[in-house]
Amino acid sequence: MSIWWSLHLRREAASVPLARRLLLGTMETAGVDPDVSYDLSLALSEACANAVEHGGQQDSSTAYRVTAYLDGEKCRIEVTDSGPGFARPQPVQPLRPVSGEAENGRGLCLIQELADHVHIGNKPGRRGAVVSFDKILKWKKDAPLMAV
């Protein structure tokens, strides 16, 4: 069985915990192992925070989209915004960590550490960034939606 959902959210800080709680609730209901759920929810929070901060004009009238797929043995999450996108293609290898004094810049590194596969880039032919990541799922014993 597969589950997917998509949210269209305003670029406001309050949208980040909303997306995180929806993901956690979905994975708990499906029977995903809590450690995997936590990792994915933290990665999602970082991707959403980036979309809120960098995803468009300085007002909250613009929106971003979060889509999550739980399909078989993996979960894939995609966060897209309508901001300027990334100035240059992002490297496939892990990003270099930032210094301890920096106030930001850790989000993408954290996502890469928490997920199995990460893609960071721009929307094809349009304005905006795309951060997508996936992780192989582990299931609780007798999980209702466990992959067969």
C-alpha atoms as a PDB file:
ATOM      1  CA  MET A   1       0.000   0.000   0.000  1.00  0.00           C
ATOM      2  CA  SER A   2       1.122   3.551  -0.721  1.00  0.00           C
ATOM      3  CA  ILE A   3       0.356   6.841   0.993  1.00  0.00           C
ATOM      4  CA  TRP A   4       1.068  10.260  -0.452  1.00  0.00           C
ATOM      5  CA  TRP A   5       0.056  13.784   0.405  1.00  0.00           C
ATOM      6  CA  SER A   6       0.905  17.261  -0.734  1.00  0.00           C
ATOM      7  CA  LEU A   7       0.647  20.564   1.132  1.00  0.00           C
ATOM      8  CA  HIS A   8       0.648  24.069  -0.268  1.00  0.00           C
ATOM      9  CA  LEU A   9       1.911  26.236   2.604  1.00  0.00           C
ATOM     10  CA  ARG A  10       2.431  29.946   3.183  1.00  0.00           C
ATOM     11  CA  ARG A  11       5.995  31.002   3.792  1.00  0.00           C
ATOM     12  CA  GLU A  12       5.472  31.497   7.506  1.00  0.00           C
ATOM     13  CA  ALA A  13       7.420  29.957  10.363  1.00  0.00           C
ATOM     14  CA  ALA A  14       4.203  28.370  11.718  1.00  0.00           C
ATOM     15  CA  SER A  15       3.983  26.162   8.611  1.00  0.00           C
ATOM     16  CA  VAL A  16       7.135  24.221   9.512  1.00  0.00           C
ATOM     17  CA  PRO A  17       5.782  22.370  12.580  1.00  0.00           C
ATOM     18  CA  LEU A  18       2.501  21.754  10.740  1.00  0.00           C
ATOM     19  CA  ALA A  19       4.297  19.859   7.962  1.00  0.00           C
ATOM     20  CA  ARG A  20       6.445  18.013  10.503  1.00  0.00           C
ATOM     21  CA  ARG A  21       3.441  16.902  12.598  1.00  0.00           C
ATOM     22  CA  LEU A  22       1.567  15.686   9.522  1.00  0.00           C
ATOM     23  CA  LEU A  23       4.560  13.603   8.456  1.00  0.00           C
ATOM     24  CA  LEU A  24       5.055  12.173  11.956  1.00  0.00           C
ATOM     25  CA  GLY A  25       1.350  11.316  12.236  1.00  0.00           C
ATOM     26  CA  THR A  26       1.323   9.627   8.851  1.00  0.00           C
ATOM     27  CA  MET A  27       4.373   7.513   9.663  1.00  0.00           C
ATOM     28  CA  GLU A  28       3.102   6.613  13.127  1.00  0.00           C
ATOM     29  CA  THR A  29      -0.238   5.491  11.684  1.00  0.00           C
ATOM     30  CA  ALA A  30       1.533   3.444   9.017  1.00  0.00           C
ATOM     31  CA  GLY A  31       3.770   1.788  11.624  1.00  0.00           C
ATOM     32  CA  VAL A  32       7.143   3.235  10.636  1.00  0.00           C
ATOM     33  CA  ASP A  33       9.944   2.828  13.184  1.00  0.00           C
ATOM     34  CA  PRO A  34      10.087   5.966  15.399  1.00  0.00           C
ATOM     35  CA  ASP A  35      13.816   6.546  14.794  1.00  0.00           C
ATOM     36  CA  VAL A  36      13.294   6.672  11.019  1.00  0.00           C
ATOM     37  CA  SER A  37      10.250   8.901  11.502  1.00  0.00           C
ATOM     38  CA  TYR A  38      12.261  11.302  13.639  1.00  0.00           C
ATOM     39  CA  ASP A  39      15.119  11.510  11.124  1.00  0.00           C
ATOM     40  CA  LEU A  40      12.744  12.244   8.255  1.00  0.00           C
ATOM     41  CA  SER A  41      10.742  14.776  10.241  1.00  0.00           C
ATOM     42  CA  LEU A  42      13.904  16.654  11.217  1.00  0.00           C
ATOM     43  CA  ALA A  43      15.101  16.668   7.587  1.00  0.00           C
ATOM     44  CA  LEU A  44      11.664  17.913   6.510  1.00  0.00           C
ATOM     45  CA  SER A  45      11.792  20.698   9.110  1.00  0.00           C
ATOM     46  CA  GLU A  46      15.145  21.857   7.741  1.00  0.00           C
ATOM     47  CA  ALA A  47      13.922  21.818   4.128  1.00  0.00           C
ATOM     48  CA  CYS A  48      10.760  23.736   5.084  1.00  0.00           C
ATOM     49  CA  ALA A  49      12.755  26.272   7.099  1.00  0.00           C
ATOM     50  CA  ASN A  50      14.935  26.884   4.027  1.00  0.00           C
ATOM     51  CA  ALA A  51      11.843  27.395   1.853  1.00  0.00           C
ATOM     52  CA  VAL A  52      10.382  29.835   4.392  1.00  0.00           C
ATOM     53  CA  GLU A  53      13.618  31.817   4.637  1.00  0.00           C
ATOM     54  CA  HIS A  54      14.806  31.752   1.016  1.00  0.00           C
ATOM     55  CA  GLY A  55      11.776  30.774  -1.070  1.00  0.00           C
ATOM     56  CA  GLY A  56      10.639  34.078  -2.525  1.00  0.00           C
ATOM     57  CA  GLN A  57      10.027  37.727  -1.828  1.00  0.00           C
ATOM     58  CA  GLN A  58      10.359  39.012   1.715  1.00  0.00           C
ATOM     59  CA  ASP A  59       6.642  38.725   2.471  1.00  0.00           C
ATOM     60  CA  SER A  60       4.666  35.648   3.443  1.00  0.00           C
ATOM     61  CA  SER A  61       2.226  35.891   0.525  1.00  0.00           C
ATOM     62  CA  THR A  62       4.263  33.405  -1.486  1.00  0.00           C
ATOM     63  CA  ALA A  63       3.935  29.722  -0.825  1.00  0.00           C
ATOM     64  CA  TYR A  64       5.928  26.528  -0.983  1.00  0.00           C
ATOM     65  CA  ARG A  65       4.905  22.923  -1.503  1.00  0.00           C
ATOM     66  CA  VAL A  66       5.690  19.782   0.483  1.00  0.00           C
ATOM     67  CA  THR A  67       4.958  16.367  -0.989  1.00  0.00           C
ATOM     68  CA  ALA A  68       5.553  13.074   0.812  1.00  0.00           C
ATOM     69  CA  TYR A  69       5.323   9.538  -0.565  1.00  0.00           C
ATOM     70  CA  LEU A  70       5.421   6.403   1.560  1.00  0.00           C
ATOM     71  CA  ASP A  71       5.617   3.663  -0.997  1.00  0.00           C
ATOM     72  CA  GLY A  72       6.716   0.138  -0.207  1.00  0.00           C
ATOM     73  CA  GLU A  73      10.039   0.266   1.517  1.00  0.00           C
ATOM     74  CA  LYS A  74      10.929   3.945   1.243  1.00  0.00           C
ATOM     75  CA  CYS A  75       9.694   7.446   1.960  1.00  0.00           C
ATOM     76  CA  ARG A  76      10.397  10.256  -0.480  1.00  0.00           C
ATOM     77  CA  ILE A  77       9.892  13.901   0.444  1.00  0.00           C
ATOM     78  CA  GLU A  78      10.088  16.908  -1.854  1.00  0.00           C
ATOM     79  CA  VAL A  79       9.999  20.584  -0.885  1.00  0.00           C
ATOM     80  CA  THR A  80       9.721  23.165  -3.681  1.00  0.00           C
ATOM     81  CA  ASP A  81       9.565  26.930  -3.499  1.00  0.00           C
ATOM     82  CA  SER A  82       9.271  29.857  -5.896  1.00  0.00           C
ATOM     83  CA  GLY A  83      12.381  31.732  -4.817  1.00  0.00           C
ATOM     84  CA  PRO A  84      15.489  32.459  -6.842  1.00  0.00           C
ATOM     85  CA  GLY A  85      16.731  28.873  -6.591  1.00  0.00           C
ATOM     86  CA  PHE A  86      20.339  27.904  -6.114  1.00  0.00           C
ATOM     87  CA  ALA A  87      22.997  30.067  -7.769  1.00  0.00           C
ATOM     88  CA  ARG A  88      24.966  27.018  -8.864  1.00  0.00           C
ATOM     89  CA  PRO A  89      24.244  23.302  -9.018  1.00  0.00           C
ATOM     90  CA  GLN A  90      24.681  21.718  -5.625  1.00  0.00           C
ATOM     91  CA  PRO A  91      27.320  19.007  -5.236  1.00  0.00           C
ATOM     92  CA  VAL A  92      26.281  15.388  -4.938  1.00  0.00           C
ATOM     93  CA  GLN A  93      28.921  14.740  -2.293  1.00  0.00           C
ATOM     94  CA  PRO A  94      28.200  15.936   1.261  1.00  0.00           C
ATOM     95  CA  LEU A  95      28.332  19.671   1.747  1.00  0.00           C
ATOM     96  CA  ARG A  96      31.036  21.048   3.993  1.00  0.00           C
ATOM     97  CA  PRO A  97      29.821  21.788   7.512  1.00  0.00           C
ATOM     98  CA  VAL A  98      29.744  25.426   8.555  1.00  0.00           C
ATOM     99  CA  SER A  99      31.627  26.857  11.503  1.00  0.00           C
ATOM    100  CA  GLY A 100      30.155  26.606  14.977  1.00  0.00           C
ATOM    101  CA  GLU A 101      29.669  30.369  15.156  1.00  0.00           C
ATOM    102  CA  ALA A 102      27.527  30.595  12.004  1.00  0.00           C
ATOM    103  CA  GLU A 103      23.849  31.350  12.601  1.00  0.00           C
ATOM    104  CA  ASN A 104      22.637  29.341   9.616  1.00  0.00           C
ATOM    105  CA  GLY A 105      23.868  27.098   6.823  1.00  0.00           C
ATOM    106  CA  ARG A 106      23.519  23.722   8.503  1.00  0.00           C
ATOM    107  CA  GLY A 107      20.164  22.654   7.050  1.00  0.00           C
ATOM    108  CA  LEU A 108      21.298  21.069   3.796  1.00  0.00           C
ATOM    109  CA  CYS A 109      24.191  19.282   5.531  1.00  0.00           C
ATOM    110  CA  LEU A 110      21.787  17.919   8.119  1.00  0.00           C
ATOM    111  CA  ILE A 111      19.373  16.691   5.448  1.00  0.00           C
ATOM    112  CA  GLN A 112      22.232  14.890   3.718  1.00  0.00           C
ATOM    113  CA  GLU A 113      23.216  13.197   6.978  1.00  0.00           C
ATOM    114  CA  LEU A 114      19.671  12.087   7.850  1.00  0.00           C
ATOM    115  CA  ALA A 115      18.481  10.805   4.457  1.00  0.00           C
ATOM    116  CA  ASP A 116      19.734   8.009   2.216  1.00  0.00           C
ATOM    117  CA  HIS A 117      19.556   9.923  -1.080  1.00  0.00           C
ATOM    118  CA  VAL A 118      19.330  13.691  -1.542  1.00  0.00           C
ATOM    119  CA  HIS A 119      18.790  15.858  -4.602  1.00  0.00           C
ATOM    120  CA  ILE A 120      19.230  19.612  -4.344  1.00  0.00           C
ATOM    121  CA  GLY A 121      18.564  21.740  -7.397  1.00  0.00           C
ATOM    122  CA  ASN A 122      16.307  24.139  -9.240  1.00  0.00           C
ATOM    123  CA  LYS A 123      12.914  23.614 -10.854  1.00  0.00           C
ATOM    124  CA  PRO A 124      13.439  22.768 -14.507  1.00  0.00           C
ATOM    125  CA  GLY A 125      12.673  25.795 -16.682  1.00  0.00           C
ATOM    126  CA  ARG A 126      11.088  27.727 -13.824  1.00  0.00           C
ATOM    127  CA  ARG A 127      12.072  29.815 -10.874  1.00  0.00           C
ATOM    128  CA  GLY A 128      12.496  28.052  -7.544  1.00  0.00           C
ATOM    129  CA  ALA A 129      14.454  25.482  -5.606  1.00  0.00           C
ATOM    130  CA  VAL A 130      13.749  21.776  -5.153  1.00  0.00           C
ATOM    131  CA  VAL A 131      15.065  19.762  -2.219  1.00  0.00           C
ATOM    132  CA  SER A 132      14.103  16.095  -2.343  1.00  0.00           C
ATOM    133  CA  PHE A 133      15.282  13.228  -0.211  1.00  0.00           C
ATOM    134  CA  ASP A 134      14.373   9.671   0.574  1.00  0.00           C
ATOM    135  CA  LYS A 135      15.057   7.071   3.197  1.00  0.00           C
ATOM    136  CA  ILE A 136      14.581   3.336   3.394  1.00  0.00           C
ATOM    137  CA  LEU A 137      11.855   2.615   5.942  1.00  0.00           C
ATOM    138  CA  LYS A 138      12.057   0.323   8.932  1.00  0.00           C
ATOM    139  CA  TRP A 139       8.794  -0.902  10.365  1.00  0.00           C
ATOM    140  CA  LYS A 140       7.429  -1.693  13.801  1.00  0.00           C
ATOM    141  CA  LYS A 141       6.407  -5.276  14.355  1.00  0.00           C
ATOM    142  CA  ASP A 142       2.880  -5.847  12.970  1.00  0.00           C
ATOM    143  CA  ALA A 143       2.822  -2.439  11.257  1.00  0.00           C
ATOM    144  CA  PRO A 144      -0.489  -1.992   9.400  1.00  0.00           C
ATOM    145  CA  LEU A 145       1.108  -0.693   6.164  1.00  0.00           C
ATOM    146  CA  MET A 146       4.389  -2.591   6.271  1.00  0.00           C
ATOM    147  CA  ALA A 147       5.915  -3.331   2.871  1.00  0.00           C
ATOM    148  CA  VAL A 148       5.295  -6.905   1.814  1.00  0.00           C
END
